[in-house]
Amino acid sequence: MAPLEPGAQTDMFTLSRKMQLALEAVVDVAFNARPDPVQSKDITRRQGIPQRYLEQVMQRLVREGILKGVRGPRGGYRLARERRRISVGEILAVVSQIEQAEEEAGPRPSELASEVVRPLMAKMNEQFMTELEKVTLEDLCHEAREKGIEPESSIRMDFNI
């Protein structure tokens, strides 16, 4: 197999769609939650995340202490801790628990899968998650600003009196 060219990308090790959506939603909250909480309808609009999935994962992130749910007409979601204290790995671990429960409800894996393939994937996943624990929401928000992305709250001005 030929080595990858410099700058080439591979899809070999990618996050599941649910993990990507959850991470996008939490980064959206971290990036846009000032001064009001971020409403799920705004996350859906900005990120294109299906509302049905979004509510399920956001509630789970609230239960796990990553987000705080704020009730009321101007309610929504805030981070439960500072951005620098929440890692990407922590967010993905919550979604992984959801996916694992769904997988356990499915058909039983073959002996080859359970004894050879899945242990290999578990080892690779552990290494991957170790690296993701080093990346915080603060890092991602800083990167967004470096790329010229502004929070919606700083773009939109409210002239209500």
N, C-alpha and C. Protein backbone atom coordinates (compact mmCIF):
# COMPACT_ATOMS: atom_id res chain seq x y z
N MET A 1 0.85 -1.17 0.00
CA MET A 1 0.00 0.00 0.00
C MET A 1 0.89 1.24 0.00
N ALA A 2 0.59 2.18 -0.89
CA ALA A 2 1.39 3.39 -1.02
C ALA A 2 1.13 4.32 0.16
N PRO A 3 2.18 5.01 0.61
CA PRO A 3 1.96 5.98 1.70
C PRO A 3 1.13 7.16 1.21
N LEU A 4 0.48 7.82 2.14
CA LEU A 4 -0.33 8.99 1.79
C LEU A 4 0.57 10.15 1.41
N GLU A 5 0.13 10.90 0.44
CA GLU A 5 0.83 12.12 0.04
C GLU A 5 0.71 13.13 1.19
N PRO A 6 1.69 14.02 1.35
CA PRO A 6 1.56 15.05 2.38
C PRO A 6 0.28 15.87 2.14
N GLY A 7 -0.48 16.09 3.18
CA GLY A 7 -1.71 16.85 3.08
C GLY A 7 -2.92 16.04 2.65
N ALA A 8 -2.72 14.77 2.26
CA ALA A 8 -3.84 13.93 1.85
C ALA A 8 -4.64 13.54 3.08
N GLN A 9 -5.94 13.35 2.87
CA GLN A 9 -6.80 12.96 3.97
C GLN A 9 -7.30 11.54 3.76
N THR A 10 -7.59 10.88 4.86
CA THR A 10 -8.16 9.55 4.80
C THR A 10 -9.38 9.50 5.68
N ASP A 11 -10.35 8.71 5.31
CA ASP A 11 -11.56 8.56 6.11
C ASP A 11 -11.51 7.30 6.95
N MET A 12 -10.32 6.70 7.07
CA MET A 12 -10.22 5.43 7.76
C MET A 12 -10.73 5.51 9.21
N PHE A 13 -10.26 6.49 9.94
CA PHE A 13 -10.69 6.64 11.33
C PHE A 13 -11.48 7.92 11.46
N THR A 14 -12.79 7.78 11.35
CA THR A 14 -13.66 8.94 11.48
C THR A 14 -14.62 8.72 12.63
N LEU A 15 -15.14 9.81 13.12
CA LEU A 15 -16.15 9.74 14.16
C LEU A 15 -17.47 9.35 13.52
N SER A 16 -18.32 8.70 14.31
CA SER A 16 -19.66 8.38 13.80
C SER A 16 -20.41 9.69 13.55
N ARG A 17 -21.44 9.62 12.76
CA ARG A 17 -22.24 10.80 12.45
C ARG A 17 -22.82 11.41 13.73
N LYS A 18 -23.29 10.55 14.64
CA LYS A 18 -23.85 11.04 15.90
C LYS A 18 -22.79 11.78 16.73
N MET A 19 -21.57 11.25 16.74
CA MET A 19 -20.50 11.91 17.49
C MET A 19 -20.18 13.28 16.88
N GLN A 20 -20.12 13.34 15.56
CA GLN A 20 -19.84 14.61 14.90
C GLN A 20 -20.93 15.63 15.20
N LEU A 21 -22.18 15.20 15.13
CA LEU A 21 -23.29 16.11 15.39
C LEU A 21 -23.28 16.61 16.84
N ALA A 22 -23.02 15.72 17.78
CA ALA A 22 -22.97 16.11 19.19
C ALA A 22 -21.84 17.11 19.42
N LEU A 23 -20.69 16.84 18.85
CA LEU A 23 -19.56 17.75 19.02
C LEU A 23 -19.87 19.11 18.40
N GLU A 24 -20.48 19.12 17.21
CA GLU A 24 -20.86 20.38 16.57
C GLU A 24 -21.83 21.16 17.46
N ALA A 25 -22.78 20.47 18.05
CA ALA A 25 -23.77 21.13 18.90
C ALA A 25 -23.12 21.74 20.14
N VAL A 26 -22.24 21.01 20.79
CA VAL A 26 -21.61 21.53 22.01
C VAL A 26 -20.64 22.68 21.67
N VAL A 27 -19.93 22.57 20.57
CA VAL A 27 -19.06 23.67 20.16
C VAL A 27 -19.91 24.89 19.85
N ASP A 28 -21.07 24.69 19.23
CA ASP A 28 -21.98 25.80 18.96
C ASP A 28 -22.40 26.47 20.26
N VAL A 29 -22.73 25.70 21.27
CA VAL A 29 -23.10 26.27 22.57
C VAL A 29 -21.92 27.03 23.16
N ALA A 30 -20.73 26.45 23.13
CA ALA A 30 -19.54 27.11 23.68
C ALA A 30 -19.24 28.41 22.95
N PHE A 31 -19.45 28.41 21.66
CA PHE A 31 -19.10 29.55 20.82
C PHE A 31 -20.15 30.66 20.85
N ASN A 32 -21.42 30.32 21.01
CA ASN A 32 -22.50 31.29 20.88
C ASN A 32 -23.24 31.64 22.17
N ALA A 33 -22.91 31.06 23.29
CA ALA A 33 -23.68 31.28 24.52
C ALA A 33 -23.23 32.52 25.27
N ARG A 34 -23.60 33.68 24.76
CA ARG A 34 -23.31 34.92 25.46
C ARG A 34 -24.31 35.96 25.02
N PRO A 35 -25.02 36.63 25.85
CA PRO A 35 -25.19 36.38 27.27
C PRO A 35 -26.27 35.35 27.56
N ASP A 36 -27.13 35.08 26.57
CA ASP A 36 -28.25 34.16 26.79
C ASP A 36 -27.86 32.73 26.47
N PRO A 37 -28.61 31.77 27.01
CA PRO A 37 -28.38 30.37 26.64
C PRO A 37 -28.66 30.18 25.14
N VAL A 38 -28.11 29.13 24.58
CA VAL A 38 -28.30 28.82 23.17
C VAL A 38 -29.51 27.91 23.03
N GLN A 39 -30.45 28.31 22.20
CA GLN A 39 -31.66 27.52 22.00
C GLN A 39 -31.40 26.45 20.95
N SER A 40 -32.05 25.29 21.15
CA SER A 40 -31.83 24.16 20.24
C SER A 40 -32.24 24.50 18.81
N LYS A 41 -33.28 25.33 18.64
CA LYS A 41 -33.70 25.71 17.28
C LYS A 41 -32.60 26.48 16.56
N ASP A 42 -31.82 27.27 17.32
CA ASP A 42 -30.71 28.01 16.71
C ASP A 42 -29.57 27.08 16.32
N ILE A 43 -29.32 26.08 17.15
CA ILE A 43 -28.28 25.09 16.82
C ILE A 43 -28.70 24.33 15.57
N THR A 44 -29.96 23.93 15.51
CA THR A 44 -30.47 23.22 14.34
C THR A 44 -30.32 24.08 13.08
N ARG A 45 -30.66 25.35 13.18
CA ARG A 45 -30.55 26.25 12.04
C ARG A 45 -29.10 26.43 11.59
N ARG A 46 -28.21 26.68 12.55
CA ARG A 46 -26.81 26.95 12.20
C ARG A 46 -26.07 25.71 11.75
N GLN A 47 -26.31 24.58 12.42
CA GLN A 47 -25.51 23.37 12.17
C GLN A 47 -26.21 22.33 11.31
N GLY A 48 -27.51 22.48 11.12
CA GLY A 48 -28.23 21.50 10.31
C GLY A 48 -28.41 20.16 11.00
N ILE A 49 -28.44 20.19 12.32
CA ILE A 49 -28.60 18.96 13.10
C ILE A 49 -30.09 18.69 13.27
N PRO A 50 -30.55 17.48 12.96
CA PRO A 50 -31.97 17.18 13.13
C PRO A 50 -32.42 17.40 14.58
N GLN A 51 -33.51 18.12 14.75
CA GLN A 51 -34.05 18.46 16.07
C GLN A 51 -34.27 17.23 16.94
N ARG A 52 -34.81 16.17 16.33
CA ARG A 52 -35.12 14.94 17.07
C ARG A 52 -33.86 14.36 17.72
N TYR A 53 -32.78 14.30 16.96
CA TYR A 53 -31.54 13.77 17.51
C TYR A 53 -30.93 14.75 18.51
N LEU A 54 -30.98 16.03 18.18
CA LEU A 54 -30.34 17.05 19.01
C LEU A 54 -30.87 17.01 20.45
N GLU A 55 -32.18 16.98 20.61
CA GLU A 55 -32.75 17.00 21.96
C GLU A 55 -32.31 15.77 22.77
N GLN A 56 -32.28 14.62 22.12
CA GLN A 56 -31.86 13.39 22.81
C GLN A 56 -30.44 13.51 23.35
N VAL A 57 -29.53 13.95 22.50
CA VAL A 57 -28.13 14.01 22.91
C VAL A 57 -27.88 15.16 23.89
N MET A 58 -28.58 16.28 23.71
CA MET A 58 -28.38 17.41 24.61
C MET A 58 -28.83 17.06 26.03
N GLN A 59 -29.95 16.37 26.14
CA GLN A 59 -30.42 15.96 27.47
C GLN A 59 -29.42 15.03 28.14
N ARG A 60 -28.83 14.15 27.37
CA ARG A 60 -27.82 13.23 27.91
C ARG A 60 -26.59 14.01 28.37
N LEU A 61 -26.19 15.02 27.60
CA LEU A 61 -25.05 15.85 27.98
C LEU A 61 -25.35 16.68 29.23
N VAL A 62 -26.61 17.05 29.43
CA VAL A 62 -27.02 17.73 30.66
C VAL A 62 -26.88 16.77 31.84
N ARG A 63 -27.40 15.55 31.68
CA ARG A 63 -27.31 14.56 32.77
C ARG A 63 -25.87 14.23 33.14
N GLU A 64 -24.98 14.29 32.16
CA GLU A 64 -23.57 13.96 32.41
C GLU A 64 -22.75 15.15 32.88
N GLY A 65 -23.38 16.32 33.05
CA GLY A 65 -22.68 17.48 33.60
C GLY A 65 -21.82 18.25 32.61
N ILE A 66 -22.06 18.08 31.32
CA ILE A 66 -21.32 18.86 30.33
C ILE A 66 -22.08 20.13 30.00
N LEU A 67 -23.40 20.02 29.92
CA LEU A 67 -24.26 21.17 29.65
C LEU A 67 -25.21 21.39 30.82
N LYS A 68 -25.76 22.61 30.87
CA LYS A 68 -26.85 22.95 31.78
C LYS A 68 -28.04 23.30 30.92
N GLY A 69 -29.19 22.77 31.26
CA GLY A 69 -30.42 23.13 30.56
C GLY A 69 -31.07 24.29 31.29
N VAL A 70 -31.46 25.32 30.56
CA VAL A 70 -32.11 26.49 31.14
C VAL A 70 -33.54 26.51 30.62
N ARG A 71 -34.52 26.49 31.53
CA ARG A 71 -35.93 26.46 31.14
C ARG A 71 -36.46 27.87 30.91
N GLY A 72 -37.61 27.91 30.24
CA GLY A 72 -38.28 29.18 30.04
C GLY A 72 -38.25 29.64 28.60
N PRO A 73 -38.95 30.75 28.32
CA PRO A 73 -39.05 31.23 26.94
C PRO A 73 -37.71 31.60 26.32
N ARG A 74 -36.77 32.04 27.11
CA ARG A 74 -35.43 32.37 26.60
C ARG A 74 -34.42 31.32 27.03
N GLY A 75 -34.96 30.13 27.32
CA GLY A 75 -34.11 29.04 27.77
C GLY A 75 -33.32 28.42 26.65
N GLY A 76 -32.54 27.44 27.03
CA GLY A 76 -31.69 26.74 26.06
C GLY A 76 -30.61 26.00 26.81
N TYR A 77 -29.41 26.06 26.28
CA TYR A 77 -28.29 25.33 26.87
C TYR A 77 -27.09 26.24 27.08
N ARG A 78 -26.40 25.97 28.19
CA ARG A 78 -25.12 26.61 28.52
C ARG A 78 -24.14 25.51 28.88
N LEU A 79 -22.88 25.83 28.85
CA LEU A 79 -21.88 24.88 29.33
C LEU A 79 -22.00 24.78 30.85
N ALA A 80 -21.81 23.60 31.38
CA ALA A 80 -21.88 23.40 32.83
C ALA A 80 -20.56 23.81 33.51
N ARG A 81 -19.50 23.86 32.72
CA ARG A 81 -18.18 24.25 33.24
C ARG A 81 -17.52 25.18 32.21
N GLU A 82 -16.38 25.72 32.57
CA GLU A 82 -15.63 26.55 31.64
C GLU A 82 -15.22 25.75 30.42
N ARG A 83 -15.12 26.43 29.28
CA ARG A 83 -14.74 25.77 28.02
C ARG A 83 -13.41 25.03 28.13
N ARG A 84 -12.50 25.60 28.89
CA ARG A 84 -11.17 24.98 29.00
C ARG A 84 -11.18 23.72 29.87
N ARG A 85 -12.30 23.47 30.53
CA ARG A 85 -12.41 22.30 31.40
C ARG A 85 -13.26 21.18 30.80
N ILE A 86 -13.66 21.32 29.55
CA ILE A 86 -14.44 20.29 28.87
C ILE A 86 -13.66 19.84 27.64
N SER A 87 -13.32 18.56 27.61
CA SER A 87 -12.55 18.04 26.48
C SER A 87 -13.46 17.43 25.42
N VAL A 88 -12.94 17.38 24.21
CA VAL A 88 -13.64 16.72 23.11
C VAL A 88 -13.87 15.25 23.47
N GLY A 89 -12.87 14.62 24.05
CA GLY A 89 -12.99 13.22 24.44
C GLY A 89 -14.12 12.97 25.41
N GLU A 90 -14.32 13.89 26.34
CA GLU A 90 -15.41 13.76 27.32
C GLU A 90 -16.77 13.80 26.63
N ILE A 91 -16.93 14.69 25.68
CA ILE A 91 -18.19 14.80 24.93
C ILE A 91 -18.45 13.52 24.14
N LEU A 92 -17.42 13.06 23.45
CA LEU A 92 -17.58 11.87 22.61
C LEU A 92 -17.82 10.62 23.43
N ALA A 93 -17.28 10.57 24.65
CA ALA A 93 -17.52 9.42 25.52
C ALA A 93 -19.00 9.30 25.86
N VAL A 94 -19.68 10.42 26.06
CA VAL A 94 -21.11 10.40 26.36
C VAL A 94 -21.89 9.83 25.17
N VAL A 95 -21.56 10.29 23.97
CA VAL A 95 -22.26 9.81 22.78
C VAL A 95 -21.93 8.33 22.56
N SER A 96 -20.72 7.96 22.87
CA SER A 96 -20.31 6.56 22.73
C SER A 96 -21.18 5.65 23.61
N GLN A 97 -21.53 6.12 24.80
CA GLN A 97 -22.41 5.34 25.68
C GLN A 97 -23.77 5.13 25.04
N ILE A 98 -24.29 6.16 24.38
CA ILE A 98 -25.59 6.05 23.70
C ILE A 98 -25.48 5.02 22.58
N GLU A 99 -24.42 5.13 21.78
CA GLU A 99 -24.24 4.22 20.65
C GLU A 99 -24.02 2.79 21.11
N GLN A 100 -23.29 2.63 22.21
CA GLN A 100 -23.02 1.29 22.74
C GLN A 100 -24.33 0.62 23.17
N ALA A 101 -25.20 1.37 23.79
CA ALA A 101 -26.50 0.82 24.21
C ALA A 101 -27.31 0.40 22.99
N GLU A 102 -27.26 1.20 21.92
CA GLU A 102 -27.98 0.85 20.68
C GLU A 102 -27.38 -0.41 20.05
N GLU A 103 -26.05 -0.51 20.09
CA GLU A 103 -25.36 -1.67 19.50
C GLU A 103 -25.67 -2.95 20.26
N GLU A 104 -25.74 -2.86 21.57
CA GLU A 104 -26.03 -4.04 22.38
C GLU A 104 -27.43 -4.60 22.11
N ALA A 105 -28.31 -3.75 21.63
CA ALA A 105 -29.66 -4.20 21.30
C ALA A 105 -29.71 -4.93 19.96
N GLY A 106 -28.62 -4.85 19.19
CA GLY A 106 -28.57 -5.47 17.87
C GLY A 106 -28.16 -6.93 17.93
N PRO A 107 -27.89 -7.53 16.76
CA PRO A 107 -27.51 -8.94 16.70
C PRO A 107 -26.16 -9.21 17.37
N ARG A 108 -25.99 -10.41 17.86
CA ARG A 108 -24.76 -10.82 18.54
C ARG A 108 -23.63 -10.95 17.51
N PRO A 109 -22.43 -10.39 17.81
CA PRO A 109 -21.33 -10.47 16.85
C PRO A 109 -20.77 -11.89 16.74
N SER A 110 -20.10 -12.15 15.62
CA SER A 110 -19.47 -13.45 15.43
C SER A 110 -18.29 -13.60 16.38
N GLU A 111 -17.80 -14.82 16.52
CA GLU A 111 -16.65 -15.07 17.38
C GLU A 111 -15.41 -14.32 16.87
N LEU A 112 -15.21 -14.33 15.57
CA LEU A 112 -14.08 -13.63 14.97
C LEU A 112 -14.17 -12.12 15.27
N ALA A 113 -15.36 -11.58 15.12
CA ALA A 113 -15.56 -10.15 15.41
C ALA A 113 -15.31 -9.85 16.88
N SER A 114 -15.88 -10.64 17.76
CA SER A 114 -15.77 -10.33 19.19
C SER A 114 -14.40 -10.64 19.77
N GLU A 115 -13.67 -11.58 19.21
CA GLU A 115 -12.37 -11.99 19.77
C GLU A 115 -11.17 -11.33 19.08
N VAL A 116 -11.35 -10.87 17.83
CA VAL A 116 -10.20 -10.34 17.10
C VAL A 116 -10.43 -8.89 16.65
N VAL A 117 -11.48 -8.68 15.89
CA VAL A 117 -11.68 -7.36 15.29
C VAL A 117 -12.06 -6.31 16.33
N ARG A 118 -13.03 -6.60 17.16
CA ARG A 118 -13.48 -5.61 18.14
C ARG A 118 -12.41 -5.24 19.17
N PRO A 119 -11.61 -6.21 19.67
CA PRO A 119 -10.53 -5.79 20.57
C PRO A 119 -9.52 -4.85 19.89
N LEU A 120 -9.23 -5.12 18.62
CA LEU A 120 -8.33 -4.23 17.89
C LEU A 120 -8.93 -2.83 17.79
N MET A 121 -10.20 -2.76 17.42
CA MET A 121 -10.86 -1.46 17.30
C MET A 121 -10.96 -0.76 18.66
N ALA A 122 -11.16 -1.52 19.71
CA ALA A 122 -11.22 -0.93 21.05
C ALA A 122 -9.87 -0.32 21.43
N LYS A 123 -8.79 -1.00 21.09
CA LYS A 123 -7.44 -0.50 21.37
C LYS A 123 -7.19 0.79 20.59
N MET A 124 -7.55 0.78 19.31
CA MET A 124 -7.36 1.97 18.48
C MET A 124 -8.24 3.12 19.00
N ASN A 125 -9.45 2.81 19.39
CA ASN A 125 -10.36 3.82 19.92
C ASN A 125 -9.80 4.43 21.21
N GLU A 126 -9.22 3.61 22.04
CA GLU A 126 -8.63 4.10 23.29
C GLU A 126 -7.51 5.10 23.01
N GLN A 127 -6.67 4.78 22.04
CA GLN A 127 -5.57 5.69 21.67
C GLN A 127 -6.12 7.00 21.09
N PHE A 128 -7.13 6.87 20.26
CA PHE A 128 -7.77 8.03 19.65
C PHE A 128 -8.38 8.92 20.74
N MET A 129 -9.10 8.32 21.67
CA MET A 129 -9.75 9.08 22.74
C MET A 129 -8.72 9.75 23.65
N THR A 130 -7.58 9.09 23.87
CA THR A 130 -6.51 9.70 24.67
C THR A 130 -6.06 11.01 24.04
N GLU A 131 -5.94 11.03 22.73
CA GLU A 131 -5.56 12.26 22.03
C GLU A 131 -6.67 13.31 22.12
N LEU A 132 -7.92 12.89 21.99
CA LEU A 132 -9.03 13.84 22.03
C LEU A 132 -9.24 14.44 23.42
N GLU A 133 -8.78 13.76 24.45
CA GLU A 133 -8.86 14.31 25.81
C GLU A 133 -7.97 15.54 25.95
N LYS A 134 -7.01 15.70 25.07
CA LYS A 134 -6.09 16.84 25.12
C LYS A 134 -6.67 18.08 24.46
N VAL A 135 -7.77 17.93 23.71
CA VAL A 135 -8.37 19.05 22.99
C VAL A 135 -9.60 19.52 23.76
N THR A 136 -9.65 20.82 24.05
CA THR A 136 -10.78 21.37 24.80
C THR A 136 -11.69 22.21 23.91
N LEU A 137 -12.86 22.53 24.43
CA LEU A 137 -13.76 23.42 23.72
C LEU A 137 -13.11 24.80 23.54
N GLU A 138 -12.33 25.20 24.49
CA GLU A 138 -11.60 26.48 24.38
C GLU A 138 -10.69 26.45 23.16
N ASP A 139 -9.99 25.33 22.95
CA ASP A 139 -9.12 25.19 21.78
C ASP A 139 -9.91 25.35 20.48
N LEU A 140 -11.07 24.71 20.41
CA LEU A 140 -11.88 24.76 19.19
C LEU A 140 -12.47 26.16 18.96
N CYS A 141 -12.90 26.82 20.02
CA CYS A 141 -13.43 28.18 19.88
C CYS A 141 -12.32 29.13 19.45
N HIS A 142 -11.13 28.96 19.98
CA HIS A 142 -9.98 29.78 19.60
C HIS A 142 -9.66 29.57 18.12
N GLU A 143 -9.69 28.32 17.68
CA GLU A 143 -9.42 28.01 16.28
C GLU A 143 -10.47 28.64 15.36
N ALA A 144 -11.73 28.62 15.78
CA ALA A 144 -12.79 29.23 14.98
C ALA A 144 -12.53 30.72 14.80
N ARG A 145 -12.16 31.38 15.87
CA ARG A 145 -11.87 32.83 15.79
C ARG A 145 -10.66 33.09 14.90
N GLU A 146 -9.63 32.25 14.99
CA GLU A 146 -8.46 32.40 14.13
C GLU A 146 -8.83 32.27 12.66
N LYS A 147 -9.86 31.50 12.37
CA LYS A 147 -10.31 31.30 10.99
C LYS A 147 -11.33 32.34 10.56
N GLY A 148 -11.55 33.35 11.42
CA GLY A 148 -12.44 34.45 11.07
C GLY A 148 -13.91 34.18 11.31
N ILE A 149 -14.24 33.13 12.04
CA ILE A 149 -15.64 32.82 12.36
C ILE A 149 -16.02 33.60 13.61
N GLU A 150 -17.14 34.29 13.53
CA GLU A 150 -17.61 35.07 14.67
C GLU A 150 -18.85 34.43 15.26
N PRO A 151 -19.01 34.50 16.58
CA PRO A 151 -20.25 34.01 17.20
C PRO A 151 -21.43 34.81 16.67
N GLU A 152 -22.55 34.13 16.51
CA GLU A 152 -23.74 34.80 16.00
C GLU A 152 -24.15 35.96 16.89
N SER A 153 -23.95 35.84 18.20
CA SER A 153 -24.36 36.90 19.12
C SER A 153 -23.59 38.19 18.87
N SER A 154 -22.38 38.11 18.33
CA SER A 154 -21.63 39.34 18.06
C SER A 154 -21.98 39.91 16.68
N ILE A 155 -22.59 39.09 15.83
CA ILE A 155 -22.99 39.55 14.50
C ILE A 155 -24.34 40.22 14.56
N ARG A 156 -25.29 39.57 15.28
CA ARG A 156 -26.65 40.07 15.40
C ARG A 156 -26.71 41.14 16.48
N MET A 157 -27.34 42.24 16.21
CA MET A 157 -27.54 43.24 17.25
C MET A 157 -29.02 43.34 17.52
N ASP A 158 -29.36 43.49 18.78
CA ASP A 158 -30.75 43.57 19.19
C ASP A 158 -31.04 45.02 19.60
N PHE A 159 -32.00 45.65 18.92
CA PHE A 159 -32.31 47.03 19.20
C PHE A 159 -33.62 47.19 19.96
N ASN A 160 -34.07 46.13 20.65
CA ASN A 160 -35.30 46.23 21.44
C ASN A 160 -35.09 47.15 22.62
N ILE A 161 -36.11 47.92 22.92
CA ILE A 161 -36.03 48.84 24.07
C ILE A 161 -37.04 48.39 25.10
